[in-house]
Amino acid sequence: MQGKVNRAPTKKEIIAHAPILDTEIQDIQPPLIVTLGNVGLQRLIGAKAKVTELHGVLMETPILYWDEERGSFKKTAEVYYIFPTFHPASVFYNPSVRTMKDADWQKLKGLLVEGR
């Protein structure tokens, strides 16, 4: 029996699941999307986004969706509120992010209380 594997999804896996996420976002129209780590953040706003630079910042931005006809990601016309933070498992690999992660969650709590 092989042990549990903790790894980031491949680009192929991200593309394969993109239509599911895109449909959920379109159907739900969430007032706020919280991304956990670089994978979720980059999937929604682009490969150059870094959680270490953007964590705890409430962004109002178009997001990326998979355009099957073009075979690539394209920006939405709509803008969404995105709140990036660290993936919970990041503290196991980099304990120094715990303080930042905890501060992000406190800030998120404040945003939710405000009704953002």
PDB file of N, CA and C in Angstrom:
ATOM      1  N   MET A   1       0.843  -1.171   0.000  1.00  0.00           N
ATOM      2  CA  MET A   1       0.000   0.000   0.000  1.00  0.00           C
ATOM      3  C   MET A   1       0.894   1.242   0.000  1.00  0.00           C
ATOM      4  N   GLN A   2       0.588   2.157  -0.901  1.00  0.00           N
ATOM      5  CA  GLN A   2       1.369   3.386  -1.002  1.00  0.00           C
ATOM      6  C   GLN A   2       0.856   4.404   0.016  1.00  0.00           C
ATOM      7  N   GLY A   3       1.775   5.169   0.594  1.00  0.00           N
ATOM      8  CA  GLY A   3       1.406   6.176   1.574  1.00  0.00           C
ATOM      9  C   GLY A   3       0.702   7.358   0.937  1.00  0.00           C
ATOM     10  N   LYS A   4       0.129   8.190   1.762  1.00  0.00           N
ATOM     11  CA  LYS A   4      -0.573   9.382   1.315  1.00  0.00           C
ATOM     12  C   LYS A   4       0.420  10.337   0.662  1.00  0.00           C
ATOM     13  N   VAL A   5       0.055  10.871  -0.478  1.00  0.00           N
ATOM     14  CA  VAL A   5       0.936  11.775  -1.208  1.00  0.00           C
ATOM     15  C   VAL A   5       0.407  13.201  -1.072  1.00  0.00           C
ATOM     16  N   ASN A   6       1.267  14.090  -0.626  1.00  0.00           N
ATOM     17  CA  ASN A   6       0.907  15.498  -0.495  1.00  0.00           C
ATOM     18  C   ASN A   6       1.700  16.267  -1.536  1.00  0.00           C
ATOM     19  N   ARG A   7       1.009  16.667  -2.598  1.00  0.00           N
ATOM     20  CA  ARG A   7       1.674  17.382  -3.681  1.00  0.00           C
ATOM     21  C   ARG A   7       0.703  18.355  -4.319  1.00  0.00           C
ATOM     22  N   ALA A   8       1.252  19.317  -5.003  1.00  0.00           N
ATOM     23  CA  ALA A   8       0.416  20.246  -5.769  1.00  0.00           C
ATOM     24  C   ALA A   8      -0.110  19.533  -7.008  1.00  0.00           C
ATOM     25  N   PRO A   9      -1.311  19.894  -7.450  1.00  0.00           N
ATOM     26  CA  PRO A   9      -1.833  19.277  -8.661  1.00  0.00           C
ATOM     27  C   PRO A   9      -1.016  19.690  -9.883  1.00  0.00           C
ATOM     28  N   THR A  10      -0.993  18.824 -10.872  1.00  0.00           N
ATOM     29  CA  THR A  10      -0.311  19.142 -12.123  1.00  0.00           C
ATOM     30  C   THR A  10      -1.167  20.102 -12.935  1.00  0.00           C
ATOM     31  N   LYS A  11      -0.565  20.740 -13.924  1.00  0.00           N
ATOM     32  CA  LYS A  11      -1.318  21.642 -14.806  1.00  0.00           C
ATOM     33  C   LYS A  11      -2.456  20.876 -15.487  1.00  0.00           C
ATOM     34  N   LYS A  12      -2.177  19.645 -15.891  1.00  0.00           N
ATOM     35  CA  LYS A  12      -3.196  18.807 -16.535  1.00  0.00           C
ATOM     36  C   LYS A  12      -4.374  18.571 -15.580  1.00  0.00           C
ATOM     37  N   GLU A  13      -4.081  18.313 -14.320  1.00  0.00           N
ATOM     38  CA  GLU A  13      -5.143  18.101 -13.330  1.00  0.00           C
ATOM     39  C   GLU A  13      -5.938  19.387 -13.082  1.00  0.00           C
ATOM     40  N   ILE A  14      -5.251  20.512 -13.039  1.00  0.00           N
ATOM     41  CA  ILE A  14      -5.932  21.794 -12.840  1.00  0.00           C
ATOM     42  C   ILE A  14      -6.887  22.060 -14.003  1.00  0.00           C
ATOM     43  N   ILE A  15      -6.424  21.834 -15.218  1.00  0.00           N
ATOM     44  CA  ILE A  15      -7.263  22.048 -16.399  1.00  0.00           C
ATOM     45  C   ILE A  15      -8.446  21.079 -16.410  1.00  0.00           C
ATOM     46  N   ALA A  16      -8.199  19.830 -16.036  1.00  0.00           N
ATOM     47  CA  ALA A  16      -9.268  18.825 -16.032  1.00  0.00           C
ATOM     48  C   ALA A  16     -10.400  19.211 -15.071  1.00  0.00           C
ATOM     49  N   HIS A  17     -10.046  19.846 -13.958  1.00  0.00           N
ATOM     50  CA  HIS A  17     -11.052  20.213 -12.963  1.00  0.00           C
ATOM     51  C   HIS A  17     -11.560  21.646 -13.122  1.00  0.00           C
ATOM     52  N   ALA A  18     -10.961  22.413 -14.007  1.00  0.00           N
ATOM     53  CA  ALA A  18     -11.333  23.815 -14.176  1.00  0.00           C
ATOM     54  C   ALA A  18     -12.819  24.017 -14.482  1.00  0.00           C
ATOM     55  N   PRO A  19     -13.405  23.254 -15.394  1.00  0.00           N
ATOM     56  CA  PRO A  19     -14.831  23.484 -15.688  1.00  0.00           C
ATOM     57  C   PRO A  19     -15.739  23.286 -14.476  1.00  0.00           C
ATOM     58  N   ILE A  20     -15.366  22.378 -13.586  1.00  0.00           N
ATOM     59  CA  ILE A  20     -16.169  22.146 -12.379  1.00  0.00           C
ATOM     60  C   ILE A  20     -16.126  23.378 -11.483  1.00  0.00           C
ATOM     61  N   LEU A  21     -14.923  23.886 -11.223  1.00  0.00           N
ATOM     62  CA  LEU A  21     -14.788  25.084 -10.393  1.00  0.00           C
ATOM     63  C   LEU A  21     -15.466  26.278 -11.047  1.00  0.00           C
ATOM     64  N   ASP A  22     -15.271  26.440 -12.351  1.00  0.00           N
ATOM     65  CA  ASP A  22     -15.873  27.565 -13.058  1.00  0.00           C
ATOM     66  C   ASP A  22     -17.395  27.536 -12.962  1.00  0.00           C
ATOM     67  N   THR A  23     -17.982  26.361 -13.122  1.00  0.00           N
ATOM     68  CA  THR A  23     -19.435  26.221 -13.027  1.00  0.00           C
ATOM     69  C   THR A  23     -19.920  26.526 -11.616  1.00  0.00           C
ATOM     70  N   GLU A  24     -19.203  26.031 -10.611  1.00  0.00           N
ATOM     71  CA  GLU A  24     -19.595  26.310  -9.230  1.00  0.00           C
ATOM     72  C   GLU A  24     -19.559  27.807  -8.936  1.00  0.00           C
ATOM     73  N   ILE A  25     -18.512  28.475  -9.371  1.00  0.00           N
ATOM     74  CA  ILE A  25     -18.408  29.924  -9.134  1.00  0.00           C
ATOM     75  C   ILE A  25     -19.524  30.652  -9.862  1.00  0.00           C
ATOM     76  N   GLN A  26     -19.779  30.278 -11.096  1.00  0.00           N
ATOM     77  CA  GLN A  26     -20.832  30.929 -11.882  1.00  0.00           C
ATOM     78  C   GLN A  26     -22.207  30.700 -11.252  1.00  0.00           C
ATOM     79  N   ASP A  27     -22.476  29.484 -10.795  1.00  0.00           N
ATOM     80  CA  ASP A  27     -23.781  29.170 -10.204  1.00  0.00           C
ATOM     81  C   ASP A  27     -23.980  29.817  -8.843  1.00  0.00           C
ATOM     82  N   ILE A  28     -22.944  29.802  -8.022  1.00  0.00           N
ATOM     83  CA  ILE A  28     -23.062  30.295  -6.648  1.00  0.00           C
ATOM     84  C   ILE A  28     -22.918  31.816  -6.565  1.00  0.00           C
ATOM     85  N   GLN A  29     -22.086  32.410  -7.436  1.00  0.00           N
ATOM     86  CA  GLN A  29     -21.782  33.843  -7.373  1.00  0.00           C
ATOM     87  C   GLN A  29     -21.363  34.233  -5.950  1.00  0.00           C
ATOM     88  N   PRO A  30     -20.264  33.644  -5.471  1.00  0.00           N
ATOM     89  CA  PRO A  30     -19.860  33.889  -4.076  1.00  0.00           C
ATOM     90  C   PRO A  30     -19.495  35.347  -3.838  1.00  0.00           C
ATOM     91  N   PRO A  31     -19.903  35.885  -2.693  1.00  0.00           N
ATOM     92  CA  PRO A  31     -19.538  37.273  -2.384  1.00  0.00           C
ATOM     93  C   PRO A  31     -18.056  37.421  -2.070  1.00  0.00           C
ATOM     94  N   LEU A  32     -17.403  36.310  -1.708  1.00  0.00           N
ATOM     95  CA  LEU A  32     -15.990  36.328  -1.353  1.00  0.00           C
ATOM     96  C   LEU A  32     -15.410  34.941  -1.610  1.00  0.00           C
ATOM     97  N   ILE A  33     -14.237  34.898  -2.225  1.00  0.00           N
ATOM     98  CA  ILE A  33     -13.538  33.635  -2.447  1.00  0.00           C
ATOM     99  C   ILE A  33     -12.232  33.696  -1.664  1.00  0.00           C
ATOM    100  N   VAL A  34     -12.027  32.725  -0.791  1.00  0.00           N
ATOM    101  CA  VAL A  34     -10.789  32.624  -0.011  1.00  0.00           C
ATOM    102  C   VAL A  34      -9.938  31.550  -0.661  1.00  0.00           C
ATOM    103  N   THR A  35      -8.756  31.925  -1.111  1.00  0.00           N
ATOM    104  CA  THR A  35      -7.842  30.950  -1.700  1.00  0.00           C
ATOM    105  C   THR A  35      -6.829  30.516  -0.648  1.00  0.00           C
ATOM    106  N   LEU A  36      -6.498  29.231  -0.676  1.00  0.00           N
ATOM    107  CA  LEU A  36      -5.562  28.668   0.288  1.00  0.00           C
ATOM    108  C   LEU A  36      -4.294  28.253  -0.439  1.00  0.00           C
ATOM    109  N   GLY A  37      -3.248  29.038  -0.306  1.00  0.00           N
ATOM    110  CA  GLY A  37      -1.976  28.722  -0.946  1.00  0.00           C
ATOM    111  C   GLY A  37      -1.882  29.235  -2.373  1.00  0.00           C
ATOM    112  N   ASN A  38      -0.728  28.954  -2.982  1.00  0.00           N
ATOM    113  CA  ASN A  38      -0.465  29.438  -4.340  1.00  0.00           C
ATOM    114  C   ASN A  38      -1.327  28.772  -5.400  1.00  0.00           C
ATOM    115  N   VAL A  39      -1.639  27.494  -5.242  1.00  0.00           N
ATOM    116  CA  VAL A  39      -2.365  26.785  -6.300  1.00  0.00           C
ATOM    117  C   VAL A  39      -3.723  27.437  -6.559  1.00  0.00           C
ATOM    118  N   GLY A  40      -4.505  27.622  -5.507  1.00  0.00           N
ATOM    119  CA  GLY A  40      -5.818  28.243  -5.679  1.00  0.00           C
ATOM    120  C   GLY A  40      -5.727  29.678  -6.156  1.00  0.00           C
ATOM    121  N   LEU A  41      -4.795  30.420  -5.585  1.00  0.00           N
ATOM    122  CA  LEU A  41      -4.611  31.813  -5.975  1.00  0.00           C
ATOM    123  C   LEU A  41      -4.220  31.931  -7.441  1.00  0.00           C
ATOM    124  N   GLN A  42      -3.254  31.143  -7.857  1.00  0.00           N
ATOM    125  CA  GLN A  42      -2.787  31.208  -9.246  1.00  0.00           C
ATOM    126  C   GLN A  42      -3.841  30.710 -10.217  1.00  0.00           C
ATOM    127  N   ARG A  43      -4.623  29.742  -9.823  1.00  0.00           N
ATOM    128  CA  ARG A  43      -5.694  29.245 -10.686  1.00  0.00           C
ATOM    129  C   ARG A  43      -6.698  30.355 -10.992  1.00  0.00           C
ATOM    130  N   LEU A  44      -6.942  31.210  -9.991  1.00  0.00           N
ATOM    131  CA  LEU A  44      -7.952  32.245 -10.179  1.00  0.00           C
ATOM    132  C   LEU A  44      -7.427  33.559 -10.729  1.00  0.00           C
ATOM    133  N   ILE A  45      -6.190  33.924 -10.413  1.00  0.00           N
ATOM    134  CA  ILE A  45      -5.747  35.239 -10.900  1.00  0.00           C
ATOM    135  C   ILE A  45      -4.477  35.218 -11.737  1.00  0.00           C
ATOM    136  N   GLY A  46      -3.824  34.075 -11.866  1.00  0.00           N
ATOM    137  CA  GLY A  46      -2.681  33.992 -12.764  1.00  0.00           C
ATOM    138  C   GLY A  46      -1.430  33.449 -12.117  1.00  0.00           C
ATOM    139  N   ALA A  47      -0.575  32.894 -12.958  1.00  0.00           N
ATOM    140  CA  ALA A  47       0.622  32.174 -12.507  1.00  0.00           C
ATOM    141  C   ALA A  47       1.637  33.053 -11.775  1.00  0.00           C
ATOM    142  N   LYS A  48       1.602  34.345 -11.981  1.00  0.00           N
ATOM    143  CA  LYS A  48       2.581  35.217 -11.336  1.00  0.00           C
ATOM    144  C   LYS A  48       2.197  35.596  -9.906  1.00  0.00           C
ATOM    145  N   ALA A  49       0.967  35.298  -9.506  1.00  0.00           N
ATOM    146  CA  ALA A  49       0.505  35.638  -8.161  1.00  0.00           C
ATOM    147  C   ALA A  49       1.227  34.782  -7.125  1.00  0.00           C
ATOM    148  N   LYS A  50       1.604  35.394  -6.037  1.00  0.00           N
ATOM    149  CA  LYS A  50       2.310  34.700  -4.950  1.00  0.00           C
ATOM    150  C   LYS A  50       1.600  34.987  -3.634  1.00  0.00           C
ATOM    151  N   VAL A  51       1.240  33.936  -2.928  1.00  0.00           N
ATOM    152  CA  VAL A  51       0.545  34.106  -1.654  1.00  0.00           C
ATOM    153  C   VAL A  51       1.420  34.853  -0.649  1.00  0.00           C
ATOM    154  N   THR A  52       2.730  34.697  -0.738  1.00  0.00           N
ATOM    155  CA  THR A  52       3.612  35.404   0.197  1.00  0.00           C
ATOM    156  C   THR A  52       3.540  36.919   0.013  1.00  0.00           C
ATOM    157  N   GLU A  53       3.161  37.368  -1.178  1.00  0.00           N
ATOM    158  CA  GLU A  53       3.050  38.808  -1.447  1.00  0.00           C
ATOM    159  C   GLU A  53       1.620  39.333  -1.267  1.00  0.00           C
ATOM    160  N   LEU A  54       0.617  38.475  -1.499  1.00  0.00           N
ATOM    161  CA  LEU A  54      -0.764  38.938  -1.545  1.00  0.00           C
ATOM    162  C   LEU A  54      -1.628  38.482  -0.362  1.00  0.00           C
ATOM    163  N   HIS A  55      -1.071  37.654   0.525  1.00  0.00           N
ATOM    164  CA  HIS A  55      -1.891  37.134   1.620  1.00  0.00           C
ATOM    165  C   HIS A  55      -2.465  38.268   2.461  1.00  0.00           C
ATOM    166  N   GLY A  56      -3.707  38.082   2.871  1.00  0.00           N
ATOM    167  CA  GLY A  56      -4.352  39.057   3.740  1.00  0.00           C
ATOM    168  C   GLY A  56      -4.837  40.308   3.046  1.00  0.00           C
ATOM    169  N   VAL A  57      -4.736  40.370   1.716  1.00  0.00           N
ATOM    170  CA  VAL A  57      -5.171  41.539   0.954  1.00  0.00           C
ATOM    171  C   VAL A  57      -6.489  41.201   0.265  1.00  0.00           C
ATOM    172  N   LEU A  58      -7.516  41.982   0.519  1.00  0.00           N
ATOM    173  CA  LEU A  58      -8.783  41.787  -0.165  1.00  0.00           C
ATOM    174  C   LEU A  58      -8.668  42.405  -1.550  1.00  0.00           C
ATOM    175  N   MET A  59      -8.769  41.562  -2.553  1.00  0.00           N
ATOM    176  CA  MET A  59      -8.638  42.034  -3.934  1.00  0.00           C
ATOM    177  C   MET A  59     -10.003  42.018  -4.617  1.00  0.00           C
ATOM    178  N   GLU A  60     -10.235  42.981  -5.464  1.00  0.00           N
ATOM    179  CA  GLU A  60     -11.424  43.012  -6.313  1.00  0.00           C
ATOM    180  C   GLU A  60     -10.901  42.911  -7.739  1.00  0.00           C
ATOM    181  N   THR A  61     -11.128  41.766  -8.374  1.00  0.00           N
ATOM    182  CA  THR A  61     -10.458  41.478  -9.630  1.00  0.00           C
ATOM    183  C   THR A  61     -11.257  40.502 -10.488  1.00  0.00           C
ATOM    184  N   PRO A  62     -11.076  40.560 -11.809  1.00  0.00           N
ATOM    185  CA  PRO A  62     -11.604  39.458 -12.629  1.00  0.00           C
ATOM    186  C   PRO A  62     -10.849  38.192 -12.253  1.00  0.00           C
ATOM    187  N   ILE A  63     -11.431  37.057 -12.533  1.00  0.00           N
ATOM    188  CA  ILE A  63     -10.748  35.793 -12.299  1.00  0.00           C
ATOM    189  C   ILE A  63     -10.608  35.044 -13.619  1.00  0.00           C
ATOM    190  N   LEU A  64      -9.825  33.994 -13.593  1.00  0.00           N
ATOM    191  CA  LEU A  64      -9.609  33.199 -14.793  1.00  0.00           C
ATOM    192  C   LEU A  64     -10.589  32.035 -14.848  1.00  0.00           C
ATOM    193  N   TYR A  65     -11.065  31.760 -16.049  1.00  0.00           N
ATOM    194  CA  TYR A  65     -11.882  30.571 -16.274  1.00  0.00           C
ATOM    195  C   TYR A  65     -11.326  29.849 -17.490  1.00  0.00           C
ATOM    196  N   TRP A  66     -11.614  28.558 -17.589  1.00  0.00           N
ATOM    197  CA  TRP A  66     -11.105  27.747 -18.688  1.00  0.00           C
ATOM    198  C   TRP A  66     -11.996  27.931 -19.902  1.00  0.00           C
ATOM    199  N   ASP A  67     -11.409  28.417 -20.998  1.00  0.00           N
ATOM    200  CA  ASP A  67     -12.107  28.594 -22.269  1.00  0.00           C
ATOM    201  C   ASP A  67     -11.768  27.387 -23.144  1.00  0.00           C
ATOM    202  N   GLU A  68     -12.686  26.461 -23.237  1.00  0.00           N
ATOM    203  CA  GLU A  68     -12.460  25.208 -23.964  1.00  0.00           C
ATOM    204  C   GLU A  68     -12.139  25.460 -25.435  1.00  0.00           C
ATOM    205  N   GLU A  69     -12.806  26.426 -26.047  1.00  0.00           N
ATOM    206  CA  GLU A  69     -12.567  26.707 -27.467  1.00  0.00           C
ATOM    207  C   GLU A  69     -11.140  27.190 -27.720  1.00  0.00           C
ATOM    208  N   ARG A  70     -10.638  28.032 -26.844  1.00  0.00           N
ATOM    209  CA  ARG A  70      -9.273  28.554 -26.993  1.00  0.00           C
ATOM    210  C   ARG A  70      -8.225  27.609 -26.433  1.00  0.00           C
ATOM    211  N   GLY A  71      -8.666  26.723 -25.546  1.00  0.00           N
ATOM    212  CA  GLY A  71      -7.721  25.820 -24.897  1.00  0.00           C
ATOM    213  C   GLY A  71      -6.793  26.545 -23.947  1.00  0.00           C
ATOM    214  N   SER A  72      -7.319  27.595 -23.305  1.00  0.00           N
ATOM    215  CA  SER A  72      -6.517  28.368 -22.365  1.00  0.00           C
ATOM    216  C   SER A  72      -7.434  29.080 -21.376  1.00  0.00           C
ATOM    217  N   PHE A  73      -6.818  29.658 -20.355  1.00  0.00           N
ATOM    218  CA  PHE A  73      -7.577  30.421 -19.389  1.00  0.00           C
ATOM    219  C   PHE A  73      -7.817  31.831 -19.925  1.00  0.00           C
ATOM    220  N   LYS A  74      -8.961  32.382 -19.577  1.00  0.00           N
ATOM    221  CA  LYS A  74      -9.362  33.713 -20.019  1.00  0.00           C
ATOM    222  C   LYS A  74      -9.956  34.438 -18.813  1.00  0.00           C
ATOM    223  N   LYS A  75      -9.845  35.768 -18.786  1.00  0.00           N
ATOM    224  CA  LYS A  75     -10.391  36.555 -17.676  1.00  0.00           C
ATOM    225  C   LYS A  75     -11.903  36.727 -17.824  1.00  0.00           C
ATOM    226  N   THR A  76     -12.575  36.692 -16.670  1.00  0.00           N
ATOM    227  CA  THR A  76     -14.009  36.944 -16.642  1.00  0.00           C
ATOM    228  C   THR A  76     -14.285  38.427 -16.853  1.00  0.00           C
ATOM    229  N   ALA A  77     -15.495  38.736 -17.294  1.00  0.00           N
ATOM    230  CA  ALA A  77     -15.924  40.129 -17.380  1.00  0.00           C
ATOM    231  C   ALA A  77     -16.278  40.640 -15.982  1.00  0.00           C
ATOM    232  N   GLU A  78     -16.781  39.743 -15.143  1.00  0.00           N
ATOM    233  CA  GLU A  78     -17.170  40.095 -13.785  1.00  0.00           C
ATOM    234  C   GLU A  78     -15.938  40.195 -12.892  1.00  0.00           C
ATOM    235  N   VAL A  79     -16.073  40.986 -11.840  1.00  0.00           N
ATOM    236  CA  VAL A  79     -15.014  41.042 -10.834  1.00  0.00           C
ATOM    237  C   VAL A  79     -15.503  40.323  -9.583  1.00  0.00           C
ATOM    238  N   TYR A  80     -14.559  39.778  -8.855  1.00  0.00           N
ATOM    239  CA  TYR A  80     -14.840  39.021  -7.644  1.00  0.00           C
ATOM    240  C   TYR A  80     -13.939  39.529  -6.534  1.00  0.00           C
ATOM    241  N   TYR A  81     -14.398  39.337  -5.301  1.00  0.00           N
ATOM    242  CA  TYR A  81     -13.546  39.610  -4.147  1.00  0.00           C
ATOM    243  C   TYR A  81     -12.760  38.335  -3.848  1.00  0.00           C
ATOM    244  N   ILE A  82     -11.443  38.458  -3.837  1.00  0.00           N
ATOM    245  CA  ILE A  82     -10.553  37.336  -3.563  1.00  0.00           C
ATOM    246  C   ILE A  82      -9.727  37.693  -2.327  1.00  0.00           C
ATOM    247  N   PHE A  83      -9.654  36.758  -1.395  1.00  0.00           N
ATOM    248  CA  PHE A  83      -8.856  36.945  -0.185  1.00  0.00           C
ATOM    249  C   PHE A  83      -7.875  35.782  -0.093  1.00  0.00           C
ATOM    250  N   PRO A  84      -6.621  36.003  -0.500  1.00  0.00           N
ATOM    251  CA  PRO A  84      -5.627  34.927  -0.427  1.00  0.00           C
ATOM    252  C   PRO A  84      -5.042  34.766   0.974  1.00  0.00           C
ATOM    253  N   THR A  85      -4.792  33.535   1.327  1.00  0.00           N
ATOM    254  CA  THR A  85      -4.068  33.244   2.550  1.00  0.00           C
ATOM    255  C   THR A  85      -3.281  31.948   2.351  1.00  0.00           C
ATOM    256  N   PHE A  86      -2.508  31.599   3.334  1.00  0.00           N
ATOM    257  CA  PHE A  86      -1.660  30.414   3.249  1.00  0.00           C
ATOM    258  C   PHE A  86      -2.487  29.140   3.380  1.00  0.00           C
ATOM    259  N   HIS A  87      -2.047  28.107   2.726  1.00  0.00           N
ATOM    260  CA  HIS A  87      -2.672  26.801   2.884  1.00  0.00           C
ATOM    261  C   HIS A  87      -2.417  26.341   4.318  1.00  0.00           C
ATOM    262  N   PRO A  88      -3.415  25.752   4.974  1.00  0.00           N
ATOM    263  CA  PRO A  88      -3.207  25.317   6.367  1.00  0.00           C
ATOM    264  C   PRO A  88      -1.997  24.407   6.563  1.00  0.00           C
ATOM    265  N   ALA A  89      -1.686  23.557   5.593  1.00  0.00           N
ATOM    266  CA  ALA A  89      -0.539  22.651   5.736  1.00  0.00           C
ATOM    267  C   ALA A  89       0.801  23.373   5.639  1.00  0.00           C
ATOM    268  N   SER A  90       0.789  24.622   5.189  1.00  0.00           N
ATOM    269  CA  SER A  90       2.054  25.347   5.020  1.00  0.00           C
ATOM    270  C   SER A  90       2.815  25.495   6.337  1.00  0.00           C
ATOM    271  N   VAL A  91       2.090  25.520   7.449  1.00  0.00           N
ATOM    272  CA  VAL A  91       2.769  25.684   8.738  1.00  0.00           C
ATOM    273  C   VAL A  91       3.630  24.475   9.091  1.00  0.00           C
ATOM    274  N   PHE A  92       3.326  23.317   8.510  1.00  0.00           N
ATOM    275  CA  PHE A  92       4.147  22.124   8.759  1.00  0.00           C
ATOM    276  C   PHE A  92       5.485  22.218   8.032  1.00  0.00           C
ATOM    277  N   TYR A  93       5.487  22.860   6.885  1.00  0.00           N
ATOM    278  CA  TYR A  93       6.697  22.962   6.065  1.00  0.00           C
ATOM    279  C   TYR A  93       7.468  24.254   6.331  1.00  0.00           C
ATOM    280  N   ASN A  94       6.746  25.280   6.779  1.00  0.00           N
ATOM    281  CA  ASN A  94       7.353  26.576   7.023  1.00  0.00           C
ATOM    282  C   ASN A  94       6.682  27.198   8.253  1.00  0.00           C
ATOM    283  N   PRO A  95       7.085  26.790   9.453  1.00  0.00           N
ATOM    284  CA  PRO A  95       6.421  27.251  10.681  1.00  0.00           C
ATOM    285  C   PRO A  95       6.367  28.777  10.829  1.00  0.00           C
ATOM    286  N   SER A  96       7.247  29.488  10.174  1.00  0.00           N
ATOM    287  CA  SER A  96       7.265  30.952  10.319  1.00  0.00           C
ATOM    288  C   SER A  96       6.026  31.618   9.711  1.00  0.00           C
ATOM    289  N   VAL A  97       5.275  30.921   8.870  1.00  0.00           N
ATOM    290  CA  VAL A  97       4.078  31.547   8.278  1.00  0.00           C
ATOM    291  C   VAL A  97       2.872  31.485   9.211  1.00  0.00           C
ATOM    292  N   ARG A  98       2.982  30.739  10.304  1.00  0.00           N
ATOM    293  CA  ARG A  98       1.827  30.586  11.216  1.00  0.00           C
ATOM    294  C   ARG A  98       1.288  31.934  11.688  1.00  0.00           C
ATOM    295  N   THR A  99       2.147  32.828  12.087  1.00  0.00           N
ATOM    296  CA  THR A  99       1.705  34.139  12.576  1.00  0.00           C
ATOM    297  C   THR A  99       0.971  34.903  11.486  1.00  0.00           C
ATOM    298  N   MET A 100       1.504  34.882  10.265  1.00  0.00           N
ATOM    299  CA  MET A 100       0.852  35.573   9.151  1.00  0.00           C
ATOM    300  C   MET A 100      -0.491  34.928   8.818  1.00  0.00           C
ATOM    301  N   LYS A 101      -0.530  33.596   8.811  1.00  0.00           N
ATOM    302  CA  LYS A 101      -1.770  32.876   8.527  1.00  0.00           C
ATOM    303  C   LYS A 101      -2.830  33.219   9.570  1.00  0.00           C
ATOM    304  N   ASP A 102      -2.438  33.205  10.830  1.00  0.00           N
ATOM    305  CA  ASP A 102      -3.381  33.528  11.902  1.00  0.00           C
ATOM    306  C   ASP A 102      -3.898  34.968  11.775  1.00  0.00           C
ATOM    307  N   ALA A 103      -3.010  35.899  11.433  1.00  0.00           N
ATOM    308  CA  ALA A 103      -3.423  37.292  11.244  1.00  0.00           C
ATOM    309  C   ALA A 103      -4.386  37.415  10.061  1.00  0.00           C
ATOM    310  N   ASP A 104      -4.132  36.658   8.995  1.00  0.00           N
ATOM    311  CA  ASP A 104      -5.031  36.671   7.834  1.00  0.00           C
ATOM    312  C   ASP A 104      -6.432  36.216   8.242  1.00  0.00           C
ATOM    313  N   TRP A 105      -6.509  35.142   9.037  1.00  0.00           N
ATOM    314  CA  TRP A 105      -7.811  34.618   9.443  1.00  0.00           C
ATOM    315  C   TRP A 105      -8.540  35.615  10.342  1.00  0.00           C
ATOM    316  N   GLN A 106      -7.811  36.350  11.173  1.00  0.00           N
ATOM    317  CA  GLN A 106      -8.444  37.388  11.990  1.00  0.00           C
ATOM    318  C   GLN A 106      -8.973  38.516  11.103  1.00  0.00           C
ATOM    319  N   LYS A 107      -8.207  38.878  10.095  1.00  0.00           N
ATOM    320  CA  LYS A 107      -8.650  39.916   9.162  1.00  0.00           C
ATOM    321  C   LYS A 107      -9.878  39.440   8.396  1.00  0.00           C
ATOM    322  N   LEU A 108      -9.867  38.180   7.968  1.00  0.00           N
ATOM    323  CA  LEU A 108     -11.009  37.610   7.266  1.00  0.00           C
ATOM    324  C   LEU A 108     -12.255  37.637   8.148  1.00  0.00           C
ATOM    325  N   LYS A 109     -12.083  37.301   9.406  1.00  0.00           N
ATOM    326  CA  LYS A 109     -13.207  37.349  10.360  1.00  0.00           C
ATOM    327  C   LYS A 109     -13.786  38.757  10.394  1.00  0.00           C
ATOM    328  N   GLY A 110     -12.928  39.760  10.438  1.00  0.00           N
ATOM    329  CA  GLY A 110     -13.397  41.147  10.440  1.00  0.00           C
ATOM    330  C   GLY A 110     -14.142  41.497   9.168  1.00  0.00           C
ATOM    331  N   LEU A 111     -13.655  41.024   8.032  1.00  0.00           N
ATOM    332  CA  LEU A 111     -14.342  41.290   6.754  1.00  0.00           C
ATOM    333  C   LEU A 111     -15.721  40.644   6.734  1.00  0.00           C
ATOM    334  N   LEU A 112     -15.818  39.438   7.271  1.00  0.00           N
ATOM    335  CA  LEU A 112     -17.105  38.751   7.283  1.00  0.00           C
ATOM    336  C   LEU A 112     -18.099  39.445   8.230  1.00  0.00           C
ATOM    337  N   VAL A 113     -17.597  39.932   9.350  1.00  0.00           N
ATOM    338  CA  VAL A 113     -18.457  40.654  10.279  1.00  0.00           C
ATOM    339  C   VAL A 113     -18.971  41.944   9.625  1.00  0.00           C
ATOM    340  N   GLU A 114     -18.092  42.604   8.842  1.00  0.00           N
ATOM    341  CA  GLU A 114     -18.478  43.824   8.126  1.00  0.00           C
ATOM    342  C   GLU A 114     -19.485  43.537   7.022  1.00  0.00           C
ATOM    343  N   GLY A 115     -19.550  42.293   6.589  1.00  0.00           N
ATOM    344  CA  GLY A 115     -20.465  41.939   5.511  1.00  0.00           C
ATOM    345  C   GLY A 115     -19.858  42.036   4.123  1.00  0.00           C
ATOM    346  N   ARG A 116     -18.558  41.971   4.012  1.00  0.00           N
ATOM    347  CA  ARG A 116     -17.896  42.010   2.707  1.00  0.00           C
ATOM    348  C   ARG A 116     -18.190  40.794   1.920  1.00  0.00           C
TER     349      ARG A 116
END
